[in-house]
Amino acid sequence: MSTENQARALMNRHQHQVKNRQQSLLSRTSEEVGLDSTRITGDRK
């Protein structure tokens, strides 16, 4: 695997981890305030 491909894979993995962390925080926060978290978990690009 080339250095460029390794860098791309690392960045993609990092972005995925950040997205998952944000989604978890959003879900926990919505539960704390009493929102239905299933309505906000859609993947938006």
PDB file of N, CA and C in Angstrom:
ATOM      1  N   MET A   1       0.857  -1.176   0.000  1.00  0.00           N
ATOM      2  CA  MET A   1       0.000   0.000   0.000  1.00  0.00           C
ATOM      3  C   MET A   1       0.902   1.237   0.000  1.00  0.00           C
ATOM      4  N   SER A   2       0.613   2.151  -0.890  1.00  0.00           N
ATOM      5  CA  SER A   2       1.442   3.350  -0.996  1.00  0.00           C
ATOM      6  C   SER A   2       1.208   4.278   0.191  1.00  0.00           C
ATOM      7  N   THR A   3       2.127   5.186   0.369  1.00  0.00           N
ATOM      8  CA  THR A   3       2.010   6.160   1.461  1.00  0.00           C
ATOM      9  C   THR A   3       0.743   6.991   1.304  1.00  0.00           C
ATOM     10  N   GLU A   4       0.429   7.350   0.067  1.00  0.00           N
ATOM     11  CA  GLU A   4      -0.775   8.145  -0.187  1.00  0.00           C
ATOM     12  C   GLU A   4      -2.034   7.367   0.200  1.00  0.00           C
ATOM     13  N   ASN A   5      -2.081   6.095  -0.152  1.00  0.00           N
ATOM     14  CA  ASN A   5      -3.240   5.265   0.202  1.00  0.00           C
ATOM     15  C   ASN A   5      -3.337   5.059   1.708  1.00  0.00           C
ATOM     16  N   GLN A   6      -2.203   4.908   2.371  1.00  0.00           N
ATOM     17  CA  GLN A   6      -2.205   4.769   3.828  1.00  0.00           C
ATOM     18  C   GLN A   6      -2.738   6.035   4.483  1.00  0.00           C
ATOM     19  N   ALA A   7      -2.307   7.188   3.981  1.00  0.00           N
ATOM     20  CA  ALA A   7      -2.775   8.463   4.526  1.00  0.00           C
ATOM     21  C   ALA A   7      -4.277   8.621   4.313  1.00  0.00           C
ATOM     22  N   ARG A   8      -4.747   8.233   3.130  1.00  0.00           N
ATOM     23  CA  ARG A   8      -6.176   8.330   2.831  1.00  0.00           C
ATOM     24  C   ARG A   8      -6.982   7.418   3.753  1.00  0.00           C
ATOM     25  N   ALA A   9      -6.505   6.196   3.944  1.00  0.00           N
ATOM     26  CA  ALA A   9      -7.195   5.245   4.818  1.00  0.00           C
ATOM     27  C   ALA A   9      -7.218   5.742   6.258  1.00  0.00           C
ATOM     28  N   LEU A  10      -6.104   6.307   6.704  1.00  0.00           N
ATOM     29  CA  LEU A  10      -6.032   6.844   8.060  1.00  0.00           C
ATOM     30  C   LEU A  10      -7.020   7.991   8.242  1.00  0.00           C
ATOM     31  N   MET A  11      -7.094   8.892   7.268  1.00  0.00           N
ATOM     32  CA  MET A  11      -8.012  10.027   7.355  1.00  0.00           C
ATOM     33  C   MET A  11      -9.461   9.557   7.327  1.00  0.00           C
ATOM     34  N   ASN A  12      -9.760   8.587   6.463  1.00  0.00           N
ATOM     35  CA  ASN A  12     -11.125   8.056   6.406  1.00  0.00           C
ATOM     36  C   ASN A  12     -11.522   7.410   7.728  1.00  0.00           C
ATOM     37  N   ARG A  13     -10.608   6.649   8.308  1.00  0.00           N
ATOM     38  CA  ARG A  13     -10.882   6.003   9.593  1.00  0.00           C
ATOM     39  C   ARG A  13     -11.099   7.048  10.681  1.00  0.00           C
ATOM     40  N   HIS A  14     -10.275   8.087  10.671  1.00  0.00           N
ATOM     41  CA  HIS A  14     -10.407   9.156  11.660  1.00  0.00           C
ATOM     42  C   HIS A  14     -11.762   9.857  11.516  1.00  0.00           C
ATOM     43  N   GLN A  15     -12.148  10.179  10.288  1.00  0.00           N
ATOM     44  CA  GLN A  15     -13.429  10.848  10.063  1.00  0.00           C
ATOM     45  C   GLN A  15     -14.595   9.967  10.514  1.00  0.00           C
ATOM     46  N   HIS A  16     -14.487   8.670  10.281  1.00  0.00           N
ATOM     47  CA  HIS A  16     -15.534   7.740  10.705  1.00  0.00           C
ATOM     48  C   HIS A  16     -15.634   7.705  12.233  1.00  0.00           C
ATOM     49  N   GLN A  17     -14.491   7.692  12.906  1.00  0.00           N
ATOM     50  CA  GLN A  17     -14.476   7.696  14.371  1.00  0.00           C
ATOM     51  C   GLN A  17     -15.077   8.983  14.917  1.00  0.00           C
ATOM     52  N   VAL A  18     -14.753  10.112  14.304  1.00  0.00           N
ATOM     53  CA  VAL A  18     -15.307  11.397  14.737  1.00  0.00           C
ATOM     54  C   VAL A  18     -16.821  11.396  14.560  1.00  0.00           C
ATOM     55  N   LYS A  19     -17.289  10.916  13.414  1.00  0.00           N
ATOM     56  CA  LYS A  19     -18.723  10.873  13.151  1.00  0.00           C
ATOM     57  C   LYS A  19     -19.444   9.995  14.174  1.00  0.00           C
ATOM     58  N   ASN A  20     -18.873   8.825  14.466  1.00  0.00           N
ATOM     59  CA  ASN A  20     -19.483   7.933  15.455  1.00  0.00           C
ATOM     60  C   ASN A  20     -19.521   8.574  16.836  1.00  0.00           C
ATOM     61  N   ARG A  21     -18.441   9.259  17.206  1.00  0.00           N
ATOM     62  CA  ARG A  21     -18.389   9.934  18.501  1.00  0.00           C
ATOM     63  C   ARG A  21     -19.460  11.024  18.583  1.00  0.00           C
ATOM     64  N   GLN A  22     -19.592  11.812  17.518  1.00  0.00           N
ATOM     65  CA  GLN A  22     -20.603  12.866  17.493  1.00  0.00           C
ATOM     66  C   GLN A  22     -22.006  12.282  17.559  1.00  0.00           C
ATOM     67  N   GLN A  23     -22.240  11.191  16.836  1.00  0.00           N
ATOM     68  CA  GLN A  23     -23.563  10.571  16.839  1.00  0.00           C
ATOM     69  C   GLN A  23     -23.913  10.023  18.216  1.00  0.00           C
ATOM     70  N   SER A  24     -22.936   9.441  18.890  1.00  0.00           N
ATOM     71  CA  SER A  24     -23.167   8.923  20.239  1.00  0.00           C
ATOM     72  C   SER A  24     -23.517  10.046  21.197  1.00  0.00           C
ATOM     73  N   LEU A  25     -22.776  11.142  21.104  1.00  0.00           N
ATOM     74  CA  LEU A  25     -23.047  12.290  21.969  1.00  0.00           C
ATOM     75  C   LEU A  25     -24.430  12.859  21.685  1.00  0.00           C
ATOM     76  N   LEU A  26     -24.784  12.982  20.415  1.00  0.00           N
ATOM     77  CA  LEU A  26     -26.092  13.498  20.044  1.00  0.00           C
ATOM     78  C   LEU A  26     -27.207  12.597  20.565  1.00  0.00           C
ATOM     79  N   SER A  27     -27.014  11.295  20.444  1.00  0.00           N
ATOM     80  CA  SER A  27     -28.019  10.345  20.901  1.00  0.00           C
ATOM     81  C   SER A  27     -28.200  10.417  22.418  1.00  0.00           C
ATOM     82  N   ARG A  28     -27.079  10.448  23.154  1.00  0.00           N
ATOM     83  CA  ARG A  28     -27.167  10.546  24.618  1.00  0.00           C
ATOM     84  C   ARG A  28     -27.824  11.851  25.046  1.00  0.00           C
ATOM     85  N   THR A  29     -27.466  12.937  24.383  1.00  0.00           N
ATOM     86  CA  THR A  29     -28.035  14.237  24.734  1.00  0.00           C
ATOM     87  C   THR A  29     -29.530  14.263  24.456  1.00  0.00           C
ATOM     88  N   SER A  30     -29.941  13.704  23.326  1.00  0.00           N
ATOM     89  CA  SER A  30     -31.365  13.696  22.997  1.00  0.00           C
ATOM     90  C   SER A  30     -32.157  12.878  24.012  1.00  0.00           C
ATOM     91  N   GLU A  31     -31.573  11.795  24.499  1.00  0.00           N
ATOM     92  CA  GLU A  31     -32.248  10.997  25.521  1.00  0.00           C
ATOM     93  C   GLU A  31     -32.392  11.785  26.818  1.00  0.00           C
ATOM     94  N   GLU A  32     -31.363  12.561  27.154  1.00  0.00           N
ATOM     95  CA  GLU A  32     -31.411  13.355  28.385  1.00  0.00           C
ATOM     96  C   GLU A  32     -32.521  14.396  28.348  1.00  0.00           C
ATOM     97  N   VAL A  33     -32.778  14.970  27.173  1.00  0.00           N
ATOM     98  CA  VAL A  33     -33.811  15.997  27.082  1.00  0.00           C
ATOM     99  C   VAL A  33     -35.160  15.432  26.660  1.00  0.00           C
ATOM    100  N   GLY A  34     -35.212  14.106  26.437  1.00  0.00           N
ATOM    101  CA  GLY A  34     -36.491  13.456  26.177  1.00  0.00           C
ATOM    102  C   GLY A  34     -36.913  13.410  24.723  1.00  0.00           C
ATOM    103  N   LEU A  35     -35.981  13.574  23.794  1.00  0.00           N
ATOM    104  CA  LEU A  35     -36.334  13.463  22.381  1.00  0.00           C
ATOM    105  C   LEU A  35     -36.264  12.010  21.941  1.00  0.00           C
ATOM    106  N   ASP A  36     -36.963  11.706  20.863  1.00  0.00           N
ATOM    107  CA  ASP A  36     -36.913  10.372  20.278  1.00  0.00           C
ATOM    108  C   ASP A  36     -35.661  10.292  19.419  1.00  0.00           C
ATOM    109  N   SER A  37     -34.634   9.615  19.892  1.00  0.00           N
ATOM    110  CA  SER A  37     -33.345   9.584  19.195  1.00  0.00           C
ATOM    111  C   SER A  37     -33.414   8.854  17.860  1.00  0.00           C
ATOM    112  N   THR A  38     -34.434   8.022  17.632  1.00  0.00           N
ATOM    113  CA  THR A  38     -34.521   7.307  16.360  1.00  0.00           C
ATOM    114  C   THR A  38     -34.843   8.258  15.213  1.00  0.00           C
ATOM    115  N   ARG A  39     -35.354   9.426  15.513  1.00  0.00           N
ATOM    116  CA  ARG A  39     -35.698  10.375  14.455  1.00  0.00           C
ATOM    117  C   ARG A  39     -34.503  11.193  14.001  1.00  0.00           C
ATOM    118  N   ILE A  40     -33.405  11.172  14.758  1.00  0.00           N
ATOM    119  CA  ILE A  40     -32.267  12.023  14.420  1.00  0.00           C
ATOM    120  C   ILE A  40     -31.032  11.234  14.035  1.00  0.00           C
ATOM    121  N   THR A  41     -31.127   9.920  13.931  1.00  0.00           N
ATOM    122  CA  THR A  41     -29.938   9.110  13.669  1.00  0.00           C
ATOM    123  C   THR A  41     -29.727   8.831  12.192  1.00  0.00           C
ATOM    124  N   GLY A  42     -30.517   9.429  11.310  1.00  0.00           N
ATOM    125  CA  GLY A  42     -30.340   9.198   9.885  1.00  0.00           C
ATOM    126  C   GLY A  42     -29.011   9.721   9.393  1.00  0.00           C
ATOM    127  N   ASP A  43     -28.447   9.050   8.406  1.00  0.00           N
ATOM    128  CA  ASP A  43     -27.166   9.454   7.834  1.00  0.00           C
ATOM    129  C   ASP A  43     -27.405  10.578   6.837  1.00  0.00           C
ATOM    130  N   ARG A  44     -26.875  11.730   7.138  1.00  0.00           N
ATOM    131  CA  ARG A  44     -27.048  12.889   6.259  1.00  0.00           C
ATOM    132  C   ARG A  44     -25.712  13.271   5.669  1.00  0.00           C
ATOM    133  N   LYS A  45     -25.660  13.314   4.351  1.00  0.00           N
ATOM    134  CA  LYS A  45     -24.411  13.685   3.672  1.00  0.00           C
ATOM    135  C   LYS A  45     -24.615  14.931   2.868  1.00  0.00           C
TER     136      LYS A  45
END
